[in-house]
Amino acid sequence: MLVLLGVQTWHQGYVCGDMETLWTDTLQKNFVSWMAHSNLGILLKKQGKLEKAVEHYSEVLRIKPDYGKARDNLHLASQKTGKTNKPATTGARP
């Protein structure tokens, strides 16, 4: 039993070894995790991978359209890529 727990702990430590691996692993297990998409988008933007960040911010808004921070992040990253992405609109905003 102890060996099994040790192996599981080692595996989890590997997954959490860096934040990109953590969020990618989370999305492989739960693709509709708006938080994982948001955090991965922020990380990718910091790495200069703006187009990939835009993809994740767009996915956040598809899952959670009322999340204003993702809308702002999408707008800023889109401006830096030179592309203007219009975020998904919902009936909640006039």
C-alpha atoms as a PDB file:
ATOM      1  CA  MET A   1       0.000   0.000   0.000  1.00  0.00           C
ATOM      2  CA  LEU A   2       2.790   2.393   0.938  1.00  0.00           C
ATOM      3  CA  VAL A   3       4.569   1.728  -2.371  1.00  0.00           C
ATOM      4  CA  LEU A   4       1.392   2.477  -4.297  1.00  0.00           C
ATOM      5  CA  LEU A   5       0.968   5.795  -2.479  1.00  0.00           C
ATOM      6  CA  GLY A   6       4.619   6.646  -3.102  1.00  0.00           C
ATOM      7  CA  VAL A   7       4.241   6.013  -6.832  1.00  0.00           C
ATOM      8  CA  GLN A   8       1.064   8.091  -6.943  1.00  0.00           C
ATOM      9  CA  THR A   9       2.770  10.951  -5.091  1.00  0.00           C
ATOM     10  CA  TRP A  10       5.747  10.826  -7.458  1.00  0.00           C
ATOM     11  CA  HIS A  11       3.427  10.904 -10.476  1.00  0.00           C
ATOM     12  CA  GLN A  12       1.466  13.849  -9.085  1.00  0.00           C
ATOM     13  CA  GLY A  13       4.721  15.671  -8.353  1.00  0.00           C
ATOM     14  CA  TYR A  14       5.691  15.214 -11.987  1.00  0.00           C
ATOM     15  CA  VAL A  15       2.369  16.638 -13.164  1.00  0.00           C
ATOM     16  CA  CYS A  16       2.782  19.656 -10.899  1.00  0.00           C
ATOM     17  CA  GLY A  17       6.439  20.080 -11.839  1.00  0.00           C
ATOM     18  CA  ASP A  18       5.639  23.188 -13.820  1.00  0.00           C
ATOM     19  CA  MET A  19       2.466  25.196 -14.238  1.00  0.00           C
ATOM     20  CA  GLU A  20       2.068  24.565 -17.966  1.00  0.00           C
ATOM     21  CA  THR A  21       2.134  20.814 -17.346  1.00  0.00           C
ATOM     22  CA  LEU A  22      -0.354  21.191 -14.494  1.00  0.00           C
ATOM     23  CA  TRP A  23      -2.917  23.140 -16.545  1.00  0.00           C
ATOM     24  CA  THR A  24      -2.437  20.980 -19.643  1.00  0.00           C
ATOM     25  CA  ASP A  25      -2.956  17.850 -17.561  1.00  0.00           C
ATOM     26  CA  THR A  26      -6.052  19.381 -15.970  1.00  0.00           C
ATOM     27  CA  LEU A  27      -7.520  20.137 -19.406  1.00  0.00           C
ATOM     28  CA  GLN A  28      -6.812  16.600 -20.609  1.00  0.00           C
ATOM     29  CA  LYS A  29      -8.923  15.367 -17.714  1.00  0.00           C
ATOM     30  CA  ASN A  30     -11.551  18.142 -17.772  1.00  0.00           C
ATOM     31  CA  PHE A  31     -11.635  20.137 -21.018  1.00  0.00           C
ATOM     32  CA  VAL A  32     -14.438  22.397 -19.763  1.00  0.00           C
ATOM     33  CA  SER A  33     -12.422  23.735 -16.831  1.00  0.00           C
ATOM     34  CA  TRP A  34     -12.678  27.466 -17.429  1.00  0.00           C
ATOM     35  CA  MET A  35     -10.129  28.098 -14.672  1.00  0.00           C
ATOM     36  CA  ALA A  36      -7.514  25.849 -16.283  1.00  0.00           C
ATOM     37  CA  HIS A  37      -8.083  27.518 -19.669  1.00  0.00           C
ATOM     38  CA  SER A  38      -7.764  30.944 -18.062  1.00  0.00           C
ATOM     39  CA  ASN A  39      -4.602  30.114 -16.130  1.00  0.00           C
ATOM     40  CA  LEU A  40      -2.993  28.413 -19.123  1.00  0.00           C
ATOM     41  CA  GLY A  41      -3.878  31.437 -21.269  1.00  0.00           C
ATOM     42  CA  ILE A  42      -2.196  33.757 -18.768  1.00  0.00           C
ATOM     43  CA  LEU A  43       0.896  31.543 -18.679  1.00  0.00           C
ATOM     44  CA  LEU A  44       1.098  31.312 -22.478  1.00  0.00           C
ATOM     45  CA  LYS A  45       0.721  35.086 -22.809  1.00  0.00           C
ATOM     46  CA  LYS A  46       3.660  35.567 -20.428  1.00  0.00           C
ATOM     47  CA  GLN A  47       5.686  33.176 -22.610  1.00  0.00           C
ATOM     48  CA  GLY A  48       4.846  35.231 -25.706  1.00  0.00           C
ATOM     49  CA  LYS A  49       2.613  32.499 -27.176  1.00  0.00           C
ATOM     50  CA  LEU A  50      -0.184  34.962 -27.856  1.00  0.00           C
ATOM     51  CA  GLU A  51      -2.170  33.005 -30.445  1.00  0.00           C
ATOM     52  CA  LYS A  52      -2.374  29.981 -28.144  1.00  0.00           C
ATOM     53  CA  ALA A  53      -3.349  32.289 -25.270  1.00  0.00           C
ATOM     54  CA  VAL A  54      -6.148  33.759 -27.416  1.00  0.00           C
ATOM     55  CA  GLU A  55      -7.456  30.229 -28.050  1.00  0.00           C
ATOM     56  CA  HIS A  56      -7.662  29.537 -24.320  1.00  0.00           C
ATOM     57  CA  TYR A  57      -9.241  32.908 -23.466  1.00  0.00           C
ATOM     58  CA  SER A  58     -11.843  32.292 -26.175  1.00  0.00           C
ATOM     59  CA  GLU A  59     -12.573  28.887 -24.669  1.00  0.00           C
ATOM     60  CA  VAL A  60     -13.012  30.460 -21.220  1.00  0.00           C
ATOM     61  CA  LEU A  61     -15.660  32.785 -22.651  1.00  0.00           C
ATOM     62  CA  ARG A  62     -17.412  29.909 -24.412  1.00  0.00           C
ATOM     63  CA  ILE A  63     -17.650  28.068 -21.079  1.00  0.00           C
ATOM     64  CA  LYS A  64     -18.172  31.084 -18.786  1.00  0.00           C
ATOM     65  CA  PRO A  65     -19.336  34.039 -20.917  1.00  0.00           C
ATOM     66  CA  ASP A  66     -19.735  36.372 -17.927  1.00  0.00           C
ATOM     67  CA  TYR A  67     -16.048  36.168 -16.896  1.00  0.00           C
ATOM     68  CA  GLY A  68     -14.896  39.732 -17.513  1.00  0.00           C
ATOM     69  CA  LYS A  69     -11.215  39.096 -16.805  1.00  0.00           C
ATOM     70  CA  ALA A  70     -11.065  36.580 -19.660  1.00  0.00           C
ATOM     71  CA  ARG A  71     -12.762  39.104 -21.937  1.00  0.00           C
ATOM     72  CA  ASP A  72     -10.114  41.700 -21.010  1.00  0.00           C
ATOM     73  CA  ASN A  73      -7.272  39.195 -21.439  1.00  0.00           C
ATOM     74  CA  LEU A  74      -8.643  38.153 -24.821  1.00  0.00           C
ATOM     75  CA  HIS A  75      -8.861  41.762 -25.953  1.00  0.00           C
ATOM     76  CA  LEU A  76      -5.299  42.592 -24.863  1.00  0.00           C
ATOM     77  CA  ALA A  77      -3.755  39.443 -26.352  1.00  0.00           C
ATOM     78  CA  SER A  78      -5.694  39.935 -29.592  1.00  0.00           C
ATOM     79  CA  GLN A  79      -4.396  43.490 -29.880  1.00  0.00           C
ATOM     80  CA  LYS A  80      -0.814  42.292 -29.476  1.00  0.00           C
ATOM     81  CA  THR A  81      -1.260  39.683 -32.233  1.00  0.00           C
ATOM     82  CA  GLY A  82      -2.726  42.308 -34.532  1.00  0.00           C
ATOM     83  CA  LYS A  83      -5.958  40.355 -34.809  1.00  0.00           C
ATOM     84  CA  THR A  84      -9.181  41.673 -33.427  1.00  0.00           C
ATOM     85  CA  ASN A  85     -11.155  38.827 -31.934  1.00  0.00           C
ATOM     86  CA  LYS A  86     -14.651  39.669 -30.948  1.00  0.00           C
ATOM     87  CA  PRO A  87     -15.535  37.670 -27.878  1.00  0.00           C
ATOM     88  CA  ALA A  88     -18.699  35.626 -27.875  1.00  0.00           C
ATOM     89  CA  THR A  89     -21.664  37.727 -26.898  1.00  0.00           C
ATOM     90  CA  THR A  90     -24.480  36.615 -24.713  1.00  0.00           C
ATOM     91  CA  GLY A  91     -27.973  37.872 -24.203  1.00  0.00           C
ATOM     92  CA  ALA A  92     -26.947  39.207 -20.790  1.00  0.00           C
ATOM     93  CA  ARG A  93     -25.211  42.311 -22.164  1.00  0.00           C
ATOM     94  CA  PRO A  94     -27.099  45.013 -24.082  1.00  0.00           C
END
